[in-house]
Structure formats: C-alpha cells, structure tokens
Amino acid sequence: MKIINQKQRVSAIEYTAELLKKDGWVQSKTVEQWLDDAEFRPAQFQSSLPALQVLGLLGFENELVRAQTPELA
C-alpha cells in the first residue's frame, strides 16, 4: 500500500481544479459532488473526469476542489 503525503494530495487536487477549469467549470464543490454531476453529463467533463475518479478511489470524496484558471508557464 502506498501512502500519499500532504504535498501529493494538494498537488492532485490543484491539478484536478485546473482540468475542471479547462472543461469550463468555475464552481467549488467536493470531489463527490463533481462526480455526481459528471455521472449525468460525462461529455462535459472530458479532461477532468479521470482525475476526479482517481481522487474518489483514493478516498478524497470530501475534499473541496475549486475550479481555477490554469497558471501560465
């Protein structure tokens, strides 16, 4: 079993937030709420759905994800 540290958890949530923004979302919801929305409209979550599913499998359903503008490199 692999342990996920705090830095990795925060990084995964931030990355998922960027993917949600790429999909056109700007709300703040928990992972579980995002997955519930995606269940009925998977085509609107083309970039972010796989990341949301992984977060859910890792037990982060109650983590708040704020869709954000991706940072310019």
N, C-alpha and C. Protein backbone atom coordinates (compact mmCIF):
# COMPACT_ATOMS: atom_id res chain seq x y z
N MET A 1 0.84 -1.17 0.00
CA MET A 1 0.00 0.00 0.00
C MET A 1 0.89 1.24 0.00
N LYS A 2 0.58 2.18 -0.86
CA LYS A 2 1.36 3.42 -0.96
C LYS A 2 0.69 4.50 -0.14
N ILE A 3 1.48 5.23 0.59
CA ILE A 3 1.00 6.36 1.38
C ILE A 3 1.13 7.62 0.54
N ILE A 4 0.09 8.42 0.51
CA ILE A 4 0.11 9.69 -0.22
C ILE A 4 0.33 10.79 0.80
N ASN A 5 1.38 11.57 0.61
CA ASN A 5 1.65 12.63 1.57
C ASN A 5 0.82 13.88 1.25
N GLN A 6 0.86 14.83 2.15
CA GLN A 6 0.06 16.06 2.03
C GLN A 6 0.38 16.81 0.74
N LYS A 7 1.66 16.91 0.40
CA LYS A 7 2.06 17.64 -0.80
C LYS A 7 1.48 16.99 -2.06
N GLN A 8 1.51 15.67 -2.12
CA GLN A 8 0.96 14.96 -3.28
C GLN A 8 -0.56 15.14 -3.36
N ARG A 9 -1.23 15.11 -2.21
CA ARG A 9 -2.69 15.29 -2.18
C ARG A 9 -3.06 16.68 -2.69
N VAL A 10 -2.37 17.69 -2.20
CA VAL A 10 -2.64 19.07 -2.62
C VAL A 10 -2.35 19.23 -4.11
N SER A 11 -1.26 18.65 -4.58
CA SER A 11 -0.90 18.73 -5.99
C SER A 11 -1.97 18.08 -6.87
N ALA A 12 -2.48 16.93 -6.45
CA ALA A 12 -3.52 16.23 -7.22
C ALA A 12 -4.81 17.04 -7.27
N ILE A 13 -5.17 17.65 -6.16
CA ILE A 13 -6.39 18.45 -6.11
C ILE A 13 -6.24 19.70 -6.97
N GLU A 14 -5.08 20.34 -6.92
CA GLU A 14 -4.84 21.54 -7.74
C GLU A 14 -4.86 21.18 -9.23
N TYR A 15 -4.27 20.07 -9.58
CA TYR A 15 -4.26 19.63 -10.98
C TYR A 15 -5.68 19.35 -11.47
N THR A 16 -6.47 18.70 -10.63
CA THR A 16 -7.86 18.42 -10.98
C THR A 16 -8.63 19.72 -11.14
N ALA A 17 -8.36 20.70 -10.31
CA ALA A 17 -9.01 22.01 -10.43
C ALA A 17 -8.68 22.66 -11.77
N GLU A 18 -7.44 22.55 -12.19
CA GLU A 18 -7.05 23.10 -13.49
C GLU A 18 -7.79 22.39 -14.63
N LEU A 19 -7.94 21.08 -14.52
CA LEU A 19 -8.66 20.32 -15.54
C LEU A 19 -10.14 20.71 -15.57
N LEU A 20 -10.73 20.94 -14.40
CA LEU A 20 -12.13 21.38 -14.35
C LEU A 20 -12.28 22.73 -15.04
N LYS A 21 -11.35 23.63 -14.81
CA LYS A 21 -11.39 24.94 -15.46
C LYS A 21 -11.26 24.77 -16.98
N LYS A 22 -10.39 23.87 -17.40
CA LYS A 22 -10.23 23.59 -18.83
C LYS A 22 -11.55 23.09 -19.43
N ASP A 23 -12.30 22.34 -18.65
CA ASP A 23 -13.61 21.85 -19.10
C ASP A 23 -14.69 22.93 -19.03
N GLY A 24 -14.35 24.12 -18.50
CA GLY A 24 -15.29 25.23 -18.49
C GLY A 24 -16.02 25.45 -17.17
N TRP A 25 -15.57 24.83 -16.10
CA TRP A 25 -16.24 24.95 -14.81
C TRP A 25 -15.53 25.99 -13.95
N VAL A 26 -16.29 26.69 -13.10
CA VAL A 26 -15.70 27.69 -12.20
C VAL A 26 -16.18 27.54 -10.76
N GLN A 27 -17.03 26.58 -10.49
CA GLN A 27 -17.58 26.40 -9.14
C GLN A 27 -16.59 25.70 -8.21
N SER A 28 -16.91 25.75 -6.93
CA SER A 28 -16.18 25.00 -5.91
C SER A 28 -17.13 23.94 -5.36
N LYS A 29 -16.71 22.69 -5.46
CA LYS A 29 -17.52 21.57 -4.98
C LYS A 29 -16.59 20.50 -4.44
N THR A 30 -17.15 19.56 -3.70
CA THR A 30 -16.35 18.42 -3.25
C THR A 30 -16.17 17.46 -4.42
N VAL A 31 -15.19 16.58 -4.29
CA VAL A 31 -14.96 15.57 -5.33
C VAL A 31 -16.23 14.77 -5.56
N GLU A 32 -16.90 14.39 -4.49
CA GLU A 32 -18.14 13.61 -4.61
C GLU A 32 -19.22 14.38 -5.38
N GLN A 33 -19.35 15.67 -5.13
CA GLN A 33 -20.34 16.47 -5.85
C GLN A 33 -19.99 16.58 -7.33
N TRP A 34 -18.69 16.76 -7.63
CA TRP A 34 -18.27 16.80 -9.03
C TRP A 34 -18.58 15.47 -9.72
N LEU A 35 -18.29 14.36 -9.03
CA LEU A 35 -18.57 13.04 -9.62
C LEU A 35 -20.06 12.83 -9.83
N ASP A 36 -20.88 13.31 -8.91
CA ASP A 36 -22.33 13.20 -9.08
C ASP A 36 -22.78 13.96 -10.32
N ASP A 37 -22.25 15.16 -10.52
CA ASP A 37 -22.58 15.94 -11.72
C ASP A 37 -22.11 15.25 -12.99
N ALA A 38 -20.91 14.69 -12.94
CA ALA A 38 -20.33 14.04 -14.12
C ALA A 38 -21.06 12.75 -14.49
N GLU A 39 -21.71 12.14 -13.53
CA GLU A 39 -22.44 10.90 -13.79
C GLU A 39 -23.51 11.09 -14.86
N PHE A 40 -24.15 12.25 -14.86
CA PHE A 40 -25.24 12.51 -15.80
C PHE A 40 -24.79 13.28 -17.03
N ARG A 41 -23.59 13.87 -16.99
CA ARG A 41 -23.09 14.66 -18.11
C ARG A 41 -21.60 14.38 -18.34
N PRO A 42 -21.21 13.15 -18.58
CA PRO A 42 -19.77 12.84 -18.70
C PRO A 42 -19.08 13.58 -19.84
N ALA A 43 -19.79 13.91 -20.89
CA ALA A 43 -19.17 14.61 -22.02
C ALA A 43 -18.71 16.02 -21.64
N GLN A 44 -19.28 16.59 -20.60
CA GLN A 44 -18.87 17.93 -20.16
C GLN A 44 -17.67 17.89 -19.21
N PHE A 45 -17.17 16.70 -18.94
CA PHE A 45 -16.03 16.53 -18.04
C PHE A 45 -14.92 15.75 -18.75
N GLN A 46 -14.68 16.08 -20.02
CA GLN A 46 -13.75 15.31 -20.83
C GLN A 46 -12.34 15.28 -20.25
N SER A 47 -11.85 16.39 -19.75
CA SER A 47 -10.49 16.45 -19.22
C SER A 47 -10.41 16.01 -17.76
N SER A 48 -11.41 16.36 -16.99
CA SER A 48 -11.31 16.22 -15.54
C SER A 48 -11.88 14.92 -14.97
N LEU A 49 -12.73 14.23 -15.70
CA LEU A 49 -13.39 13.05 -15.14
C LEU A 49 -12.41 11.98 -14.66
N PRO A 50 -11.39 11.61 -15.44
CA PRO A 50 -10.47 10.59 -14.93
C PRO A 50 -9.78 11.01 -13.63
N ALA A 51 -9.39 12.27 -13.53
CA ALA A 51 -8.73 12.76 -12.31
C ALA A 51 -9.70 12.73 -11.13
N LEU A 52 -10.95 13.11 -11.36
CA LEU A 52 -11.95 13.06 -10.30
C LEU A 52 -12.18 11.63 -9.83
N GLN A 53 -12.22 10.70 -10.77
CA GLN A 53 -12.42 9.29 -10.41
C GLN A 53 -11.27 8.77 -9.57
N VAL A 54 -10.04 9.13 -9.92
CA VAL A 54 -8.88 8.70 -9.14
C VAL A 54 -8.95 9.27 -7.73
N LEU A 55 -9.27 10.57 -7.61
CA LEU A 55 -9.39 11.17 -6.28
C LEU A 55 -10.45 10.45 -5.46
N GLY A 56 -11.56 10.09 -6.10
CA GLY A 56 -12.60 9.36 -5.40
C GLY A 56 -12.13 7.99 -4.94
N LEU A 57 -11.39 7.30 -5.79
CA LEU A 57 -10.87 5.98 -5.42
C LEU A 57 -9.85 6.05 -4.28
N LEU A 58 -9.16 7.17 -4.20
CA LEU A 58 -8.16 7.35 -3.14
C LEU A 58 -8.79 7.78 -1.81
N GLY A 59 -10.09 8.00 -1.81
CA GLY A 59 -10.77 8.35 -0.57
C GLY A 59 -10.88 9.83 -0.31
N PHE A 60 -10.74 10.64 -1.34
CA PHE A 60 -10.79 12.09 -1.16
C PHE A 60 -12.15 12.68 -1.56
N GLU A 61 -13.23 11.92 -1.37
CA GLU A 61 -14.56 12.37 -1.80
C GLU A 61 -14.99 13.68 -1.16
N ASN A 62 -14.55 13.94 0.06
CA ASN A 62 -14.99 15.13 0.78
C ASN A 62 -14.05 16.32 0.62
N GLU A 63 -13.03 16.19 -0.22
CA GLU A 63 -12.10 17.29 -0.45
C GLU A 63 -12.74 18.32 -1.38
N LEU A 64 -12.59 19.58 -1.03
CA LEU A 64 -13.13 20.67 -1.83
C LEU A 64 -12.19 20.95 -2.99
N VAL A 65 -12.74 21.02 -4.20
CA VAL A 65 -11.97 21.33 -5.39
C VAL A 65 -12.52 22.61 -5.98
N ARG A 66 -11.67 23.63 -6.04
CA ARG A 66 -12.07 24.93 -6.60
C ARG A 66 -11.55 25.02 -8.03
N ALA A 67 -12.45 25.01 -8.99
CA ALA A 67 -12.02 25.16 -10.38
C ALA A 67 -11.31 26.49 -10.51
N GLN A 68 -10.14 26.48 -11.14
CA GLN A 68 -9.33 27.69 -11.21
C GLN A 68 -8.74 27.84 -12.59
N THR A 69 -8.27 29.04 -12.85
CA THR A 69 -7.62 29.32 -14.11
C THR A 69 -6.23 28.71 -14.09
N PRO A 70 -5.88 27.92 -15.11
CA PRO A 70 -4.53 27.34 -15.14
C PRO A 70 -3.48 28.45 -15.17
N GLU A 71 -2.39 28.24 -14.46
CA GLU A 71 -1.31 29.22 -14.41
C GLU A 71 -0.57 29.20 -15.74
N LEU A 72 -0.18 30.38 -16.19
CA LEU A 72 0.59 30.47 -17.42
C LEU A 72 2.04 30.13 -17.12
N ALA A 73 2.63 29.34 -17.98
CA ALA A 73 4.02 28.93 -17.76
C ALA A 73 4.98 29.96 -18.30
